[in-house]
PDB file of N, CA and C in Angstrom:
ATOM      1  N   MET A   1     -46.655  23.714 128.801  1.00  0.00           N
ATOM      2  CA  MET A   1     -47.277  23.481 129.818  1.00  0.00           C
ATOM      3  C   MET A   1     -47.423  23.458 131.146  1.00  0.00           C
ATOM      4  N   LEU A   2     -48.037  24.124 131.703  1.00  0.00           N
ATOM      5  CA  LEU A   2     -48.046  24.374 133.151  1.00  0.00           C
ATOM      6  C   LEU A   2     -49.319  23.708 134.105  1.00  0.00           C
ATOM      7  N   ILE A   3     -49.430  22.887 134.717  1.00  0.00           N
ATOM      8  CA  ILE A   3     -50.221  21.799 135.260  1.00  0.00           C
ATOM      9  C   ILE A   3     -50.026  21.634 136.782  1.00  0.00           C
ATOM     10  N   GLY A   4     -51.219  21.947 137.541  1.00  0.00           N
ATOM     11  CA  GLY A   4     -51.153  21.603 138.747  1.00  0.00           C
ATOM     12  C   GLY A   4     -51.996  22.683 139.830  1.00  0.00           C
ATOM     13  N   GLY A   5     -52.120  21.942 141.107  1.00  0.00           N
ATOM     14  CA  GLY A   5     -52.481  23.117 142.089  1.00  0.00           C
ATOM     15  C   GLY A   5     -53.046  22.493 143.307  1.00  0.00           C
ATOM     16  N   MET A   6     -53.970  22.511 143.841  1.00  0.00           N
ATOM     17  CA  MET A   6     -54.809  21.858 144.715  1.00  0.00           C
ATOM     18  C   MET A   6     -55.108  20.430 144.354  1.00  0.00           C
ATOM     19  N   ASP A   7     -54.710  19.783 145.209  1.00  0.00           N
ATOM     20  CA  ASP A   7     -54.985  18.053 145.168  1.00  0.00           C
ATOM     21  C   ASP A   7     -56.179  17.644 145.814  1.00  0.00           C
ATOM     22  N   ARG A   8     -57.597  17.561 144.957  1.00  0.00           N
ATOM     23  CA  ARG A   8     -58.553  17.263 145.390  1.00  0.00           C
ATOM     24  C   ARG A   8     -59.123  15.556 145.414  1.00  0.00           C
ATOM     25  N   GLY A   9     -57.759  15.160 144.763  1.00  0.00           N
ATOM     26  CA  GLY A   9     -58.335  13.483 144.880  1.00  0.00           C
ATOM     27  C   GLY A   9     -58.700  13.071 143.902  1.00  0.00           C
ATOM     28  N   ILE A  10     -58.899  13.871 142.645  1.00  0.00           N
ATOM     29  CA  ILE A  10     -59.412  13.419 141.270  1.00  0.00           C
ATOM     30  C   ILE A  10     -58.505  12.476 140.524  1.00  0.00           C
ATOM     31  N   SER A  11     -58.931  11.720 139.813  1.00  0.00           N
ATOM     32  CA  SER A  11     -58.139  10.784 138.714  1.00  0.00           C
ATOM     33  C   SER A  11     -57.608  11.530 137.460  1.00  0.00           C
ATOM     34  N   TYR A  12     -56.257  11.676 137.347  1.00  0.00           N
ATOM     35  CA  TYR A  12     -55.565  12.049 136.491  1.00  0.00           C
ATOM     36  C   TYR A  12     -55.047  11.317 135.388  1.00  0.00           C
ATOM     37  N   GLN A  13     -55.636   9.885 135.418  1.00  0.00           N
ATOM     38  CA  GLN A  13     -55.518   9.049 134.201  1.00  0.00           C
ATOM     39  C   GLN A  13     -55.958   9.146 133.061  1.00  0.00           C
ATOM     40  N   PRO A  14     -57.018  10.542 132.992  1.00  0.00           N
ATOM     41  CA  PRO A  14     -57.103  10.484 131.390  1.00  0.00           C
ATOM     42  C   PRO A  14     -56.221  11.719 130.751  1.00  0.00           C
ATOM     43  N   LEU A  15     -56.180  12.806 131.843  1.00  0.00           N
ATOM     44  CA  LEU A  15     -54.786  13.374 131.150  1.00  0.00           C
ATOM     45  C   LEU A  15     -53.791  13.023 130.777  1.00  0.00           C
ATOM     46  N   LEU A  16     -53.192  11.814 131.553  1.00  0.00           N
ATOM     47  CA  LEU A  16     -51.957  11.393 131.544  1.00  0.00           C
ATOM     48  C   LEU A  16     -52.025  10.591 130.173  1.00  0.00           C
ATOM     49  N   GLU A  17     -53.118  10.006 130.059  1.00  0.00           N
ATOM     50  CA  GLU A  17     -53.391   9.298 128.744  1.00  0.00           C
ATOM     51  C   GLU A  17     -53.251   9.933 127.606  1.00  0.00           C
ATOM     52  N   TYR A  18     -53.612  11.466 127.808  1.00  0.00           N
ATOM     53  CA  TYR A  18     -53.600  12.548 126.839  1.00  0.00           C
ATOM     54  C   TYR A  18     -52.139  12.961 126.499  1.00  0.00           C
ATOM     55  N   LEU A  19     -51.549  12.798 127.312  1.00  0.00           N
ATOM     56  CA  LEU A  19     -50.264  13.411 127.670  1.00  0.00           C
ATOM     57  C   LEU A  19     -49.161  12.643 126.610  1.00  0.00           C
ATOM     58  N   VAL A  20     -49.500  11.447 126.651  1.00  0.00           N
ATOM     59  CA  VAL A  20     -48.572  10.321 126.330  1.00  0.00           C
ATOM     60  C   VAL A  20     -48.077  10.580 125.009  1.00  0.00           C
ATOM     61  N   THR A  21     -49.472  10.851 124.375  1.00  0.00           N
ATOM     62  CA  THR A  21     -49.335  11.051 122.628  1.00  0.00           C
ATOM     63  C   THR A  21     -49.523  12.472 122.520  1.00  0.00           C
ATOM     64  N   SER A  22     -49.495  13.514 122.995  1.00  0.00           N
ATOM     65  CA  SER A  22     -49.304  14.850 122.907  1.00  0.00           C
ATOM     66  C   SER A  22     -48.330  15.349 122.251  1.00  0.00           C
ATOM     67  N   PRO A  23     -48.389  16.296 121.410  1.00  0.00           N
ATOM     68  CA  PRO A  23     -47.029  17.001 121.267  1.00  0.00           C
ATOM     69  C   PRO A  23     -45.913  17.983 121.783  1.00  0.00           C
ATOM     70  N   VAL A  24     -47.053  18.224 123.495  1.00  0.00           N
ATOM     71  CA  VAL A  24     -46.380  19.288 124.382  1.00  0.00           C
ATOM     72  C   VAL A  24     -45.037  18.632 124.346  1.00  0.00           C
ATOM     73  N   PRO A  25     -43.770  19.507 124.033  1.00  0.00           N
ATOM     74  CA  PRO A  25     -42.541  19.153 124.676  1.00  0.00           C
ATOM     75  C   PRO A  25     -42.327  18.983 125.890  1.00  0.00           C
ATOM     76  N   HIS A  26     -43.231  20.100 127.067  1.00  0.00           N
ATOM     77  CA  HIS A  26     -42.123  20.513 128.057  1.00  0.00           C
ATOM     78  C   HIS A  26     -43.777  20.736 128.818  1.00  0.00           C
ATOM     79  N   ILE A  27     -43.526  19.601 129.991  1.00  0.00           N
ATOM     80  CA  ILE A  27     -44.851  19.679 130.799  1.00  0.00           C
ATOM     81  C   ILE A  27     -44.307  19.966 132.403  1.00  0.00           C
ATOM     82  N   ILE A  28     -44.581  21.090 132.991  1.00  0.00           N
ATOM     83  CA  ILE A  28     -44.173  21.667 134.275  1.00  0.00           C
ATOM     84  C   ILE A  28     -45.237  21.627 134.955  1.00  0.00           C
ATOM     85  N   LEU A  29     -45.189  20.504 136.149  1.00  0.00           N
ATOM     86  CA  LEU A  29     -45.850  20.164 137.165  1.00  0.00           C
ATOM     87  C   LEU A  29     -45.834  21.059 138.118  1.00  0.00           C
ATOM     88  N   MET A  30     -46.940  21.746 139.165  1.00  0.00           N
ATOM     89  CA  MET A  30     -46.584  22.647 140.368  1.00  0.00           C
ATOM     90  C   MET A  30     -47.723  22.022 141.061  1.00  0.00           C
ATOM     91  N   SER A  31     -47.226  22.369 142.525  1.00  0.00           N
ATOM     92  CA  SER A  31     -48.142  22.369 143.526  1.00  0.00           C
ATOM     93  C   SER A  31     -48.373  20.591 143.912  1.00  0.00           C
ATOM     94  N   ASP A  32     -49.459  20.553 145.014  1.00  0.00           N
ATOM     95  CA  ASP A  32     -49.528  19.161 144.886  1.00  0.00           C
ATOM     96  C   ASP A  32     -50.039  18.273 144.466  1.00  0.00           C
ATOM     97  N   SER A  33     -51.070  18.785 143.226  1.00  0.00           N
ATOM     98  CA  SER A  33     -51.318  18.027 142.309  1.00  0.00           C
ATOM     99  C   SER A  33     -50.434  17.759 141.525  1.00  0.00           C
ATOM    100  N   GLY A  34     -49.434  18.751 141.053  1.00  0.00           N
ATOM    101  CA  GLY A  34     -48.488  18.264 140.167  1.00  0.00           C
ATOM    102  C   GLY A  34     -47.776  17.279 140.895  1.00  0.00           C
ATOM    103  N   LYS A  35     -47.444  17.161 142.077  1.00  0.00           N
ATOM    104  CA  LYS A  35     -46.306  16.115 142.788  1.00  0.00           C
ATOM    105  C   LYS A  35     -47.098  14.679 142.409  1.00  0.00           C
ATOM    106  N   ARG A  36     -48.549  14.741 142.757  1.00  0.00           N
ATOM    107  CA  ARG A  36     -49.270  13.437 142.272  1.00  0.00           C
ATOM    108  C   ARG A  36     -49.186  12.874 140.971  1.00  0.00           C
ATOM    109  N   ILE A  37     -49.557  13.867 140.065  1.00  0.00           N
ATOM    110  CA  ILE A  37     -49.324  13.707 138.837  1.00  0.00           C
ATOM    111  C   ILE A  37     -47.970  13.162 138.374  1.00  0.00           C
ATOM    112  N   MET A  38     -47.114  13.631 139.029  1.00  0.00           N
ATOM    113  CA  MET A  38     -45.385  13.084 138.739  1.00  0.00           C
ATOM    114  C   MET A  38     -45.269  11.804 138.977  1.00  0.00           C
ATOM    115  N   GLN A  39     -45.905  11.355 140.198  1.00  0.00           N
ATOM    116  CA  GLN A  39     -46.007   9.974 140.651  1.00  0.00           C
ATOM    117  C   GLN A  39     -46.842   8.967 140.115  1.00  0.00           C
ATOM    118  N   GLU A  40     -48.111   9.341 139.434  1.00  0.00           N
ATOM    119  CA  GLU A  40     -48.959   8.575 139.082  1.00  0.00           C
ATOM    120  C   GLU A  40     -48.125   8.359 137.210  1.00  0.00           C
ATOM    121  N   ALA A  41     -47.075   9.297 136.886  1.00  0.00           N
ATOM    122  CA  ALA A  41     -46.674   9.117 135.386  1.00  0.00           C
ATOM    123  C   ALA A  41     -45.809   7.911 135.846  1.00  0.00           C
ATOM    124  N   ALA A  42     -45.345   7.687 136.747  1.00  0.00           N
ATOM    125  CA  ALA A  42     -44.698   6.073 136.889  1.00  0.00           C
ATOM    126  C   ALA A  42     -44.829   4.984 136.234  1.00  0.00           C
ATOM    127  N   ASP A  43     -46.348   5.022 136.137  1.00  0.00           N
ATOM    128  CA  ASP A  43     -46.930   3.797 135.310  1.00  0.00           C
ATOM    129  C   ASP A  43     -47.067   4.086 133.958  1.00  0.00           C
ATOM    130  N   TYR A  44     -46.560   5.256 133.079  1.00  0.00           N
ATOM    131  CA  TYR A  44     -46.380   5.649 131.983  1.00  0.00           C
ATOM    132  C   TYR A  44     -44.912   5.533 131.563  1.00  0.00           C
ATOM    133  N   PRO A  45     -45.239   5.654 130.073  1.00  0.00           N
ATOM    134  CA  PRO A  45     -43.882   5.578 129.519  1.00  0.00           C
ATOM    135  C   PRO A  45     -42.893   6.347 129.489  1.00  0.00           C
ATOM    136  N   GLU A  46     -41.694   6.132 129.711  1.00  0.00           N
ATOM    137  CA  GLU A  46     -40.373   6.976 130.206  1.00  0.00           C
ATOM    138  C   GLU A  46     -40.674   8.428 129.045  1.00  0.00           C
ATOM    139  N   THR A  47     -41.052   8.206 128.065  1.00  0.00           N
ATOM    140  CA  THR A  47     -40.918   9.376 127.190  1.00  0.00           C
ATOM    141  C   THR A  47     -41.795  10.747 127.850  1.00  0.00           C
ATOM    142  N   LEU A  48     -42.861  10.186 128.267  1.00  0.00           N
ATOM    143  CA  LEU A  48     -43.725  11.241 129.105  1.00  0.00           C
ATOM    144  C   LEU A  48     -42.940  12.061 130.191  1.00  0.00           C
ATOM    145  N   ARG A  49     -42.487  11.139 131.088  1.00  0.00           N
ATOM    146  CA  ARG A  49     -41.848  11.385 132.337  1.00  0.00           C
ATOM    147  C   ARG A  49     -40.654  12.487 132.169  1.00  0.00           C
ATOM    148  N   GLN A  50     -39.808  12.242 130.582  1.00  0.00           N
ATOM    149  CA  GLN A  50     -38.671  12.646 130.412  1.00  0.00           C
ATOM    150  C   GLN A  50     -39.035  14.111 130.194  1.00  0.00           C
ATOM    151  N   ARG A  51     -40.393  14.404 129.902  1.00  0.00           N
ATOM    152  CA  ARG A  51     -40.731  15.794 129.331  1.00  0.00           C
ATOM    153  C   ARG A  51     -41.485  16.540 130.944  1.00  0.00           C
ATOM    154  N   MET A  52     -41.250  15.719 131.694  1.00  0.00           N
ATOM    155  CA  MET A  52     -42.307  16.621 132.878  1.00  0.00           C
ATOM    156  C   MET A  52     -40.924  16.897 133.801  1.00  0.00           C
ATOM    157  N   GLN A  53     -41.422  18.084 134.586  1.00  0.00           N
ATOM    158  CA  GLN A  53     -40.552  19.003 135.559  1.00  0.00           C
ATOM    159  C   GLN A  53     -41.410  19.449 136.512  1.00  0.00           C
ATOM    160  N   TYR A  54     -41.058  19.739 137.518  1.00  0.00           N
ATOM    161  CA  TYR A  54     -41.466  20.135 139.105  1.00  0.00           C
ATOM    162  C   TYR A  54     -41.463  21.095 139.606  1.00  0.00           C
ATOM    163  N   ALA A  55     -42.141  22.013 139.609  1.00  0.00           N
ATOM    164  CA  ALA A  55     -42.129  23.659 140.222  1.00  0.00           C
ATOM    165  C   ALA A  55     -43.084  23.682 141.384  1.00  0.00           C
ATOM    166  N   ALA A  56     -42.208  24.002 142.901  1.00  0.00           N
ATOM    167  CA  ALA A  56     -43.234  24.289 143.490  1.00  0.00           C
ATOM    168  C   ALA A  56     -44.728  24.998 143.559  1.00  0.00           C
ATOM    169  N   GLY A  57     -44.524  25.907 143.173  1.00  0.00           N
ATOM    170  CA  GLY A  57     -45.510  27.115 142.453  1.00  0.00           C
ATOM    171  C   GLY A  57     -45.398  27.641 141.360  1.00  0.00           C
ATOM    172  N   LEU A  58     -46.727  28.412 141.442  1.00  0.00           N
ATOM    173  CA  LEU A  58     -46.436  29.419 139.643  1.00  0.00           C
ATOM    174  C   LEU A  58     -45.314  30.165 139.465  1.00  0.00           C
ATOM    175  N   PRO A  59     -44.936  30.903 140.564  1.00  0.00           N
ATOM    176  CA  PRO A  59     -43.695  31.564 140.399  1.00  0.00           C
ATOM    177  C   PRO A  59     -42.582  30.767 139.981  1.00  0.00           C
ATOM    178  N   GLU A  60     -42.220  29.411 140.299  1.00  0.00           N
ATOM    179  CA  GLU A  60     -41.311  28.912 140.240  1.00  0.00           C
ATOM    180  C   GLU A  60     -41.608  28.202 138.869  1.00  0.00           C
ATOM    181  N   ALA A  61     -42.843  27.805 138.428  1.00  0.00           N
ATOM    182  CA  ALA A  61     -43.438  27.404 136.832  1.00  0.00           C
ATOM    183  C   ALA A  61     -42.703  28.374 135.801  1.00  0.00           C
ATOM    184  N   VAL A  62     -43.280  29.457 136.276  1.00  0.00           N
ATOM    185  CA  VAL A  62     -42.986  30.544 135.229  1.00  0.00           C
ATOM    186  C   VAL A  62     -41.865  30.782 134.740  1.00  0.00           C
ATOM    187  N   ALA A  63     -41.006  30.973 135.996  1.00  0.00           N
ATOM    188  CA  ALA A  63     -39.543  31.091 136.007  1.00  0.00           C
ATOM    189  C   ALA A  63     -38.893  29.977 135.055  1.00  0.00           C
ATOM    190  N   LEU A  64     -39.436  28.830 134.849  1.00  0.00           N
ATOM    191  CA  LEU A  64     -38.724  27.578 134.250  1.00  0.00           C
ATOM    192  C   LEU A  64     -39.309  27.715 133.153  1.00  0.00           C
ATOM    193  N   ALA A  65     -40.608  28.003 132.933  1.00  0.00           N
ATOM    194  CA  ALA A  65     -40.995  28.021 131.534  1.00  0.00           C
ATOM    195  C   ALA A  65     -40.379  29.142 130.791  1.00  0.00           C
ATOM    196  N   LYS A  66     -40.115  30.191 131.080  1.00  0.00           N
ATOM    197  CA  LYS A  66     -39.528  31.070 130.471  1.00  0.00           C
ATOM    198  C   LYS A  66     -37.810  30.555 129.977  1.00  0.00           C
ATOM    199  N   GLN A  67     -37.366  29.762 130.738  1.00  0.00           N
ATOM    200  CA  GLN A  67     -35.948  29.424 130.618  1.00  0.00           C
ATOM    201  C   GLN A  67     -36.051  28.164 129.355  1.00  0.00           C
ATOM    202  N   ILE A  68     -37.139  27.509 129.319  1.00  0.00           N
ATOM    203  CA  ILE A  68     -37.118  26.401 128.652  1.00  0.00           C
ATOM    204  C   ILE A  68     -38.265  26.074 127.316  1.00  0.00           C
ATOM    205  N   THR A  69     -39.094  27.475 127.043  1.00  0.00           N
ATOM    206  CA  THR A  69     -40.037  27.575 125.730  1.00  0.00           C
ATOM    207  C   THR A  69     -38.866  28.245 125.084  1.00  0.00           C
ATOM    208  N   GLU A  70     -39.227  27.656 123.670  1.00  0.00           N
ATOM    209  CA  GLU A  70     -38.179  28.231 122.562  1.00  0.00           C
ATOM    210  C   GLU A  70     -38.754  29.312 122.233  1.00  0.00           C
ATOM    211  N   LYS A  71     -38.226  30.318 121.434  1.00  0.00           N
ATOM    212  CA  LYS A  71     -38.811  31.671 121.165  1.00  0.00           C
ATOM    213  C   LYS A  71     -39.507  31.559 120.135  1.00  0.00           C
ATOM    214  N   GLY A  72     -40.613  32.411 120.232  1.00  0.00           N
ATOM    215  CA  GLY A  72     -41.525  32.007 118.941  1.00  0.00           C
ATOM    216  C   GLY A  72     -42.686  31.293 119.713  1.00  0.00           C
ATOM    217  N   LYS A  73     -42.477  30.561 120.668  1.00  0.00           N
ATOM    218  CA  LYS A  73     -43.643  29.201 120.813  1.00  0.00           C
ATOM    219  C   LYS A  73     -44.178  30.026 122.342  1.00  0.00           C
ATOM    220  N   ILE A  74     -45.386  29.283 122.729  1.00  0.00           N
ATOM    221  CA  ILE A  74     -46.076  29.592 123.788  1.00  0.00           C
ATOM    222  C   ILE A  74     -46.210  28.702 124.851  1.00  0.00           C
ATOM    223  N   CYS A  75     -46.667  29.165 126.165  1.00  0.00           N
ATOM    224  CA  CYS A  75     -46.423  28.172 127.451  1.00  0.00           C
ATOM    225  C   CYS A  75     -47.855  28.538 127.849  1.00  0.00           C
ATOM    226  N   LEU A  76     -48.731  27.353 127.804  1.00  0.00           N
ATOM    227  CA  LEU A  76     -50.168  27.620 127.891  1.00  0.00           C
ATOM    228  C   LEU A  76     -50.509  26.958 129.384  1.00  0.00           C
ATOM    229  N   MET A  77     -50.960  27.728 130.340  1.00  0.00           N
ATOM    230  CA  MET A  77     -51.318  27.348 131.879  1.00  0.00           C
ATOM    231  C   MET A  77     -52.612  26.547 131.540  1.00  0.00           C
ATOM    232  N   SER A  78     -52.795  25.416 132.175  1.00  0.00           N
ATOM    233  CA  SER A  78     -53.625  24.614 131.910  1.00  0.00           C
ATOM    234  C   SER A  78     -54.067  23.988 133.190  1.00  0.00           C
ATOM    235  N   PRO A  79     -54.144  24.094 134.232  1.00  0.00           N
ATOM    236  CA  PRO A  79     -53.798  23.865 135.487  1.00  0.00           C
ATOM    237  C   PRO A  79     -54.330  22.427 135.619  1.00  0.00           C
ATOM    238  N   ALA A  80     -55.625  21.824 135.480  1.00  0.00           N
ATOM    239  CA  ALA A  80     -56.311  20.852 135.633  1.00  0.00           C
ATOM    240  C   ALA A  80     -56.499  20.501 137.016  1.00  0.00           C
ATOM    241  N   ALA A  81     -56.575  21.829 138.054  1.00  0.00           N
ATOM    242  CA  ALA A  81     -56.549  21.705 139.046  1.00  0.00           C
ATOM    243  C   ALA A  81     -57.251  22.977 139.874  1.00  0.00           C
ATOM    244  N   ALA A  82     -57.960  22.950 140.728  1.00  0.00           N
ATOM    245  CA  ALA A  82     -58.166  24.121 141.462  1.00  0.00           C
ATOM    246  C   ALA A  82     -57.204  24.592 142.331  1.00  0.00           C
ATOM    247  N   SER A  83     -57.051  26.124 143.011  1.00  0.00           N
ATOM    248  CA  SER A  83     -56.182  26.622 143.519  1.00  0.00           C
ATOM    249  C   SER A  83     -56.307  27.316 144.768  1.00  0.00           C
ATOM    250  N   TYR A  84     -57.574  27.028 145.285  1.00  0.00           N
ATOM    251  CA  TYR A  84     -58.016  27.291 146.361  1.00  0.00           C
ATOM    252  C   TYR A  84     -57.101  27.630 147.477  1.00  0.00           C
ATOM    253  N   ASN A  85     -56.227  26.864 147.866  1.00  0.00           N
ATOM    254  CA  ASN A  85     -55.000  26.833 148.788  1.00  0.00           C
ATOM    255  C   ASN A  85     -53.991  27.742 148.674  1.00  0.00           C
ATOM    256  N   VAL A  86     -54.321  28.540 147.454  1.00  0.00           N
ATOM    257  CA  VAL A  86     -53.202  29.895 147.160  1.00  0.00           C
ATOM    258  C   VAL A  86     -53.958  31.161 146.589  1.00  0.00           C
ATOM    259  N   TYR A  87     -54.675  30.546 145.899  1.00  0.00           N
ATOM    260  CA  TYR A  87     -55.660  31.951 145.338  1.00  0.00           C
ATOM    261  C   TYR A  87     -57.220  31.995 145.803  1.00  0.00           C
ATOM    262  N   GLN A  88     -57.602  33.498 145.618  1.00  0.00           N
ATOM    263  CA  GLN A  88     -59.077  33.356 146.223  1.00  0.00           C
ATOM    264  C   GLN A  88     -59.964  32.831 145.020  1.00  0.00           C
ATOM    265  N   ASN A  89     -59.731  32.834 143.652  1.00  0.00           N
ATOM    266  CA  ASN A  89     -60.149  32.357 142.802  1.00  0.00           C
ATOM    267  C   ASN A  89     -59.605  32.076 141.606  1.00  0.00           C
ATOM    268  N   PHE A  90     -59.930  31.384 140.658  1.00  0.00           N
ATOM    269  CA  PHE A  90     -59.619  31.579 139.091  1.00  0.00           C
ATOM    270  C   PHE A  90     -58.855  32.718 138.738  1.00  0.00           C
ATOM    271  N   GLU A  91     -59.795  33.446 138.783  1.00  0.00           N
ATOM    272  CA  GLU A  91     -59.118  34.954 137.903  1.00  0.00           C
ATOM    273  C   GLU A  91     -58.049  35.643 138.556  1.00  0.00           C
ATOM    274  N   LYS A  92     -57.596  35.067 139.855  1.00  0.00           N
ATOM    275  CA  LYS A  92     -56.845  36.176 140.495  1.00  0.00           C
ATOM    276  C   LYS A  92     -55.632  35.335 140.047  1.00  0.00           C
ATOM    277  N   ARG A  93     -55.729  33.866 139.961  1.00  0.00           N
ATOM    278  CA  ARG A  93     -54.076  32.972 139.467  1.00  0.00           C
ATOM    279  C   ARG A  93     -54.039  33.463 138.194  1.00  0.00           C
ATOM    280  N   GLY A  94     -55.060  33.390 137.258  1.00  0.00           N
ATOM    281  CA  GLY A  94     -54.616  33.929 135.806  1.00  0.00           C
ATOM    282  C   GLY A  94     -54.026  35.691 135.989  1.00  0.00           C
ATOM    283  N   GLU A  95     -54.592  36.337 136.994  1.00  0.00           N
ATOM    284  CA  GLU A  95     -53.868  37.669 137.165  1.00  0.00           C
ATOM    285  C   GLU A  95     -52.190  37.248 137.321  1.00  0.00           C
ATOM    286  N   HIS A  96     -52.124  36.706 138.308  1.00  0.00           N
ATOM    287  CA  HIS A  96     -50.415  36.355 138.657  1.00  0.00           C
ATOM    288  C   HIS A  96     -49.569  35.874 137.641  1.00  0.00           C
ATOM    289  N   PHE A  97     -50.221  34.896 137.007  1.00  0.00           N
ATOM    290  CA  PHE A  97     -49.928  34.295 135.918  1.00  0.00           C
ATOM    291  C   PHE A  97     -49.659  35.354 134.731  1.00  0.00           C
ATOM    292  N   LEU A  98     -50.284  36.086 134.451  1.00  0.00           N
ATOM    293  CA  LEU A  98     -50.265  37.279 133.689  1.00  0.00           C
ATOM    294  C   LEU A  98     -48.922  38.231 134.007  1.00  0.00           C
ATOM    295  N   ALA A  99     -48.906  38.700 135.473  1.00  0.00           N
ATOM    296  CA  ALA A  99     -48.151  39.665 135.918  1.00  0.00           C
ATOM    297  C   ALA A  99     -46.762  38.831 135.700  1.00  0.00           C
ATOM    298  N   LEU A 100     -46.215  37.307 136.187  1.00  0.00           N
ATOM    299  CA  LEU A 100     -45.250  36.711 136.181  1.00  0.00           C
ATOM    300  C   LEU A 100     -44.748  36.318 134.977  1.00  0.00           C
ATOM    301  N   ALA A 101     -45.585  36.297 133.662  1.00  0.00           N
ATOM    302  CA  ALA A 101     -45.126  36.054 132.313  1.00  0.00           C
ATOM    303  C   ALA A 101     -44.631  37.346 131.939  1.00  0.00           C
ATOM    304  N   MET A 102     -45.318  38.721 132.315  1.00  0.00           N
ATOM    305  CA  MET A 102     -44.843  39.750 131.817  1.00  0.00           C
ATOM    306  C   MET A 102     -44.028  40.428 132.413  1.00  0.00           C
ATOM    307  N   GLU A 103     -43.191  39.889 133.191  1.00  0.00           N
ATOM    308  CA  GLU A 103     -41.851  40.332 134.256  1.00  0.00           C
ATOM    309  C   GLU A 103     -41.053  40.119 133.019  1.00  0.00           C
TER     310      GLU A 103
END
């Protein structure tokens, strides 16, 4: 799962609480909010933090996902954050994600 984008100061506590019990094996955090989520995860069980990795932006996150996602499985981009600091809108971000995934 790819999570992250522009940090607007919202609380990620509900997301972290969900991820603690989630079966998602790999959580790739990116951009400013990804850094913050990773920092806030320090208050959660080690098993959550062990599933987290950081990538600076979407290209790096997709490259990492391609390396660690098992064949036959999916990588879901569910950013939980806006991306106006990089993309004009969510459609542009989605198009870039698709292009990177299809490379």
